[in-house]
């Protein structure tokens, strides 16, 4: 199989369809996945990173993270709530949501 291929995906977008990413890693032998947050994107709650690591445990050593972490759990929860509210407003305006 192919080796050395790295798939990159936004952390929050990836969290919405892990089965698709797991399928890629299963099909492409030796491939890796890099999950990231973009410049200016709100930081991620460490608990969300921990959840992702548990979900992707079968690919240990093949999944990496380049994510800005929240200073604390409260900041992370506030950021996720803010993104949810922004998504609602964007959907109402017909713009779609962040990570959708």
N, C-alpha and C. Protein backbone atom coordinates (compact mmCIF):
# COMPACT_ATOMS: atom_id res chain seq x y z
N UNK A 1 0.82 -1.19 0.00
CA UNK A 1 0.00 0.00 0.00
C UNK A 1 0.86 1.24 0.00
N UNK A 2 0.19 2.36 -0.09
CA UNK A 2 0.87 3.67 -0.09
C UNK A 2 1.39 3.97 1.31
N UNK A 3 2.46 4.72 1.39
CA UNK A 3 3.00 5.11 2.67
C UNK A 3 3.37 6.58 2.64
N UNK A 4 3.39 7.18 3.80
CA UNK A 4 3.81 8.55 3.90
C UNK A 4 2.76 9.60 3.57
N UNK A 5 1.55 9.19 3.29
CA UNK A 5 0.49 10.15 2.98
C UNK A 5 -0.11 10.69 4.26
N UNK A 6 -0.21 12.03 4.35
CA UNK A 6 -0.80 12.66 5.53
C UNK A 6 -2.07 13.39 5.11
N UNK A 7 -3.17 13.01 5.72
CA UNK A 7 -4.43 13.72 5.54
C UNK A 7 -4.50 14.81 6.60
N UNK A 8 -4.94 15.99 6.23
CA UNK A 8 -5.09 17.09 7.18
C UNK A 8 -6.54 17.54 7.20
N UNK A 9 -7.06 17.78 8.40
CA UNK A 9 -8.45 18.21 8.53
C UNK A 9 -8.60 19.14 9.72
N UNK A 10 -9.52 20.06 9.59
CA UNK A 10 -9.84 20.93 10.72
C UNK A 10 -10.40 20.07 11.85
N UNK A 11 -9.94 20.31 13.06
CA UNK A 11 -10.33 19.50 14.21
C UNK A 11 -11.85 19.45 14.39
N UNK A 12 -12.49 20.61 14.38
CA UNK A 12 -13.94 20.64 14.63
C UNK A 12 -14.73 19.98 13.50
N UNK A 13 -14.30 20.19 12.27
CA UNK A 13 -14.98 19.56 11.13
C UNK A 13 -14.81 18.04 11.21
N UNK A 14 -13.60 17.60 11.52
CA UNK A 14 -13.33 16.16 11.62
C UNK A 14 -14.21 15.50 12.67
N UNK A 15 -14.46 16.20 13.77
CA UNK A 15 -15.27 15.65 14.84
C UNK A 15 -16.71 15.37 14.44
N UNK A 16 -17.13 15.91 13.32
CA UNK A 16 -18.50 15.70 12.85
C UNK A 16 -18.67 14.43 12.04
N UNK A 17 -17.56 13.85 11.52
CA UNK A 17 -17.65 12.62 10.74
C UNK A 17 -16.37 11.81 10.88
N UNK A 18 -16.18 11.24 12.04
CA UNK A 18 -14.96 10.46 12.28
C UNK A 18 -14.93 9.17 11.48
N UNK A 19 -16.08 8.60 11.19
CA UNK A 19 -16.10 7.33 10.46
C UNK A 19 -15.47 7.47 9.08
N UNK A 20 -15.72 8.59 8.42
CA UNK A 20 -15.11 8.81 7.11
C UNK A 20 -13.59 8.89 7.20
N UNK A 21 -13.09 9.58 8.22
CA UNK A 21 -11.64 9.68 8.40
C UNK A 21 -11.03 8.35 8.82
N UNK A 22 -11.73 7.62 9.65
CA UNK A 22 -11.24 6.29 10.05
C UNK A 22 -11.15 5.39 8.82
N UNK A 23 -12.13 5.50 7.94
CA UNK A 23 -12.12 4.71 6.72
C UNK A 23 -10.90 5.02 5.85
N UNK A 24 -10.56 6.30 5.74
CA UNK A 24 -9.37 6.68 4.98
C UNK A 24 -8.11 6.06 5.57
N UNK A 25 -7.97 6.15 6.89
CA UNK A 25 -6.79 5.60 7.54
C UNK A 25 -6.71 4.08 7.39
N UNK A 26 -7.87 3.43 7.39
CA UNK A 26 -7.88 1.97 7.21
C UNK A 26 -7.50 1.58 5.79
N UNK A 27 -7.98 2.35 4.81
CA UNK A 27 -7.75 2.01 3.40
C UNK A 27 -6.35 2.35 2.92
N UNK A 28 -5.75 3.41 3.47
CA UNK A 28 -4.43 3.84 2.99
C UNK A 28 -3.38 3.45 4.04
N UNK A 29 -2.77 2.32 3.81
CA UNK A 29 -1.79 1.77 4.75
C UNK A 29 -0.66 2.77 5.00
N UNK A 30 -0.33 2.96 6.27
CA UNK A 30 0.76 3.86 6.65
C UNK A 30 0.42 5.33 6.62
N UNK A 31 -0.82 5.65 6.26
CA UNK A 31 -1.21 7.06 6.22
C UNK A 31 -1.38 7.61 7.63
N UNK A 32 -1.38 8.92 7.71
CA UNK A 32 -1.53 9.61 8.99
C UNK A 32 -2.60 10.69 8.84
N UNK A 33 -3.06 11.20 9.99
CA UNK A 33 -4.06 12.25 10.02
C UNK A 33 -3.57 13.36 10.94
N UNK A 34 -3.56 14.58 10.42
CA UNK A 34 -3.23 15.75 11.22
C UNK A 34 -4.50 16.57 11.41
N UNK A 35 -4.87 16.76 12.66
CA UNK A 35 -6.05 17.57 12.99
C UNK A 35 -5.56 18.91 13.53
N UNK A 36 -6.13 20.00 13.03
CA UNK A 36 -5.63 21.33 13.35
C UNK A 36 -6.76 22.31 13.63
N UNK A 37 -6.38 23.41 14.26
CA UNK A 37 -7.26 24.58 14.36
C UNK A 37 -6.59 25.68 13.56
N UNK A 38 -7.40 26.47 12.88
CA UNK A 38 -6.87 27.52 12.02
C UNK A 38 -6.49 28.78 12.79
N UNK A 39 -5.68 29.59 12.16
CA UNK A 39 -5.29 30.88 12.73
C UNK A 39 -6.53 31.71 12.98
N UNK A 40 -6.67 32.22 14.19
CA UNK A 40 -7.83 33.02 14.55
C UNK A 40 -9.03 32.21 14.99
N UNK A 41 -8.98 30.90 14.81
CA UNK A 41 -10.08 30.04 15.26
C UNK A 41 -10.04 29.94 16.79
N UNK A 42 -11.20 29.91 17.44
CA UNK A 42 -11.20 29.78 18.90
C UNK A 42 -10.49 28.50 19.36
N UNK A 43 -9.89 28.58 20.52
CA UNK A 43 -9.18 27.44 21.09
C UNK A 43 -10.14 26.30 21.40
N UNK A 44 -9.57 25.11 21.55
CA UNK A 44 -10.34 23.88 21.78
C UNK A 44 -10.18 23.45 23.24
N UNK A 45 -11.26 23.01 23.82
CA UNK A 45 -11.26 22.46 25.17
C UNK A 45 -10.44 21.18 25.20
N UNK A 46 -9.57 21.04 26.17
CA UNK A 46 -8.73 19.84 26.27
C UNK A 46 -9.55 18.57 26.37
N UNK A 47 -10.73 18.64 26.97
CA UNK A 47 -11.61 17.48 27.04
C UNK A 47 -12.06 17.02 25.67
N UNK A 48 -12.22 17.95 24.73
CA UNK A 48 -12.60 17.62 23.36
C UNK A 48 -11.44 16.89 22.66
N UNK A 49 -10.21 17.33 22.93
CA UNK A 49 -9.03 16.65 22.38
C UNK A 49 -8.95 15.23 22.95
N UNK A 50 -9.15 15.11 24.26
CA UNK A 50 -9.11 13.79 24.91
C UNK A 50 -10.16 12.85 24.30
N UNK A 51 -11.35 13.39 24.05
CA UNK A 51 -12.42 12.59 23.42
C UNK A 51 -11.97 12.09 22.05
N UNK A 52 -11.36 13.02 21.26
CA UNK A 52 -10.92 12.65 19.92
C UNK A 52 -9.84 11.56 20.00
N UNK A 53 -8.93 11.67 20.94
CA UNK A 53 -7.88 10.65 21.10
C UNK A 53 -8.49 9.29 21.42
N UNK A 54 -9.52 9.27 22.28
CA UNK A 54 -10.18 8.00 22.59
C UNK A 54 -10.88 7.44 21.36
N UNK A 55 -11.54 8.30 20.61
CA UNK A 55 -12.26 7.86 19.41
C UNK A 55 -11.31 7.30 18.35
N UNK A 56 -10.10 7.84 18.30
CA UNK A 56 -9.13 7.45 17.27
C UNK A 56 -8.05 6.51 17.82
N UNK A 57 -8.30 5.90 18.96
CA UNK A 57 -7.29 5.08 19.65
C UNK A 57 -6.75 3.94 18.78
N UNK A 58 -7.56 3.38 17.91
CA UNK A 58 -7.08 2.27 17.07
C UNK A 58 -5.97 2.72 16.11
N UNK A 59 -5.81 4.03 15.93
CA UNK A 59 -4.80 4.57 15.02
C UNK A 59 -3.67 5.25 15.79
N UNK A 60 -3.42 4.79 16.99
CA UNK A 60 -2.40 5.39 17.84
C UNK A 60 -1.08 5.53 17.08
N UNK A 61 -0.47 6.70 17.19
CA UNK A 61 0.76 6.98 16.48
C UNK A 61 0.56 7.49 15.06
N UNK A 62 -0.68 7.45 14.58
CA UNK A 62 -0.98 7.90 13.22
C UNK A 62 -1.83 9.16 13.19
N UNK A 63 -2.25 9.64 14.36
CA UNK A 63 -3.09 10.84 14.44
C UNK A 63 -2.35 11.88 15.28
N UNK A 64 -2.17 13.06 14.69
CA UNK A 64 -1.50 14.14 15.39
C UNK A 64 -2.40 15.35 15.52
N UNK A 65 -2.03 16.25 16.41
CA UNK A 65 -2.85 17.43 16.70
C UNK A 65 -2.00 18.68 16.64
N UNK A 66 -2.49 19.68 15.94
CA UNK A 66 -1.90 21.01 15.92
C UNK A 66 -3.03 21.98 16.23
N UNK A 67 -3.45 21.94 17.50
CA UNK A 67 -4.63 22.69 17.93
C UNK A 67 -4.27 23.66 19.05
N UNK A 68 -4.86 24.82 18.98
CA UNK A 68 -4.71 25.78 20.07
C UNK A 68 -5.62 25.33 21.21
N UNK A 69 -5.02 25.07 22.37
CA UNK A 69 -5.79 24.60 23.53
C UNK A 69 -6.29 25.77 24.36
N UNK A 70 -7.48 25.62 24.90
CA UNK A 70 -8.04 26.61 25.81
C UNK A 70 -7.23 26.68 27.08
N UNK A 71 -7.20 27.86 27.70
CA UNK A 71 -6.49 28.06 28.96
C UNK A 71 -7.10 27.19 30.06
N UNK A 72 -8.39 27.00 30.00
CA UNK A 72 -9.08 26.17 30.99
C UNK A 72 -10.37 25.63 30.39
N UNK A 73 -11.03 24.76 31.12
CA UNK A 73 -12.26 24.15 30.60
C UNK A 73 -13.35 25.18 30.33
N UNK A 74 -13.45 26.20 31.20
CA UNK A 74 -14.49 27.21 31.01
C UNK A 74 -14.29 27.94 29.69
N UNK A 75 -13.05 28.33 29.39
CA UNK A 75 -12.79 29.01 28.12
C UNK A 75 -13.17 28.12 26.94
N UNK A 76 -12.84 26.84 27.03
CA UNK A 76 -13.19 25.91 25.96
C UNK A 76 -14.68 25.79 25.77
N UNK A 77 -15.42 25.69 26.86
CA UNK A 77 -16.88 25.58 26.76
C UNK A 77 -17.48 26.87 26.19
N UNK A 78 -16.96 28.01 26.62
CA UNK A 78 -17.44 29.28 26.09
C UNK A 78 -17.19 29.36 24.59
N UNK A 79 -16.01 28.94 24.15
CA UNK A 79 -15.70 28.97 22.72
C UNK A 79 -16.63 28.07 21.92
N UNK A 80 -16.88 26.86 22.42
CA UNK A 80 -17.78 25.94 21.70
C UNK A 80 -19.20 26.50 21.65
N UNK A 81 -19.65 27.12 22.75
CA UNK A 81 -20.98 27.73 22.78
C UNK A 81 -21.06 28.89 21.79
N UNK A 82 -20.01 29.70 21.73
CA UNK A 82 -19.99 30.83 20.80
C UNK A 82 -20.06 30.34 19.35
N UNK A 83 -19.34 29.28 19.03
CA UNK A 83 -19.39 28.73 17.67
C UNK A 83 -20.79 28.21 17.36
N UNK A 84 -21.43 27.57 18.33
CA UNK A 84 -22.79 27.05 18.12
C UNK A 84 -23.77 28.19 17.83
N UNK A 85 -23.66 29.28 18.60
CA UNK A 85 -24.55 30.43 18.40
C UNK A 85 -24.28 31.06 17.03
N UNK A 86 -23.01 31.22 16.68
CA UNK A 86 -22.67 31.77 15.37
C UNK A 86 -23.21 30.90 14.24
N UNK A 87 -23.13 29.59 14.39
CA UNK A 87 -23.67 28.68 13.38
C UNK A 87 -25.17 28.87 13.21
N UNK A 88 -25.88 29.04 14.31
CA UNK A 88 -27.33 29.26 14.24
C UNK A 88 -27.64 30.53 13.44
N UNK A 89 -26.95 31.62 13.77
CA UNK A 89 -27.17 32.87 13.05
C UNK A 89 -26.81 32.74 11.58
N UNK A 90 -25.71 32.08 11.28
CA UNK A 90 -25.30 31.91 9.89
C UNK A 90 -26.30 31.06 9.11
N UNK A 91 -26.83 30.01 9.75
CA UNK A 91 -27.83 29.18 9.08
C UNK A 91 -29.09 29.99 8.77
N UNK A 92 -29.49 30.81 9.75
CA UNK A 92 -30.67 31.65 9.55
C UNK A 92 -30.46 32.63 8.40
N UNK A 93 -29.23 33.08 8.20
CA UNK A 93 -28.91 34.02 7.12
C UNK A 93 -28.59 33.28 5.82
N UNK A 94 -28.61 31.93 5.86
CA UNK A 94 -28.35 31.14 4.66
C UNK A 94 -26.88 30.99 4.32
N UNK A 95 -26.00 31.23 5.29
CA UNK A 95 -24.56 31.15 5.04
C UNK A 95 -23.96 29.83 5.43
N UNK A 96 -24.69 28.98 6.11
CA UNK A 96 -24.12 27.72 6.62
C UNK A 96 -23.31 27.97 7.87
N UNK A 97 -22.99 26.92 8.57
CA UNK A 97 -22.27 27.05 9.83
C UNK A 97 -20.80 26.75 9.71
N UNK A 98 -20.05 27.12 10.71
CA UNK A 98 -18.62 26.81 10.76
C UNK A 98 -18.47 25.30 10.90
N UNK A 99 -17.68 24.73 10.06
CA UNK A 99 -17.43 23.29 10.14
C UNK A 99 -18.55 22.45 9.58
N UNK A 100 -19.39 23.03 8.76
CA UNK A 100 -20.49 22.26 8.18
C UNK A 100 -20.31 22.11 6.69
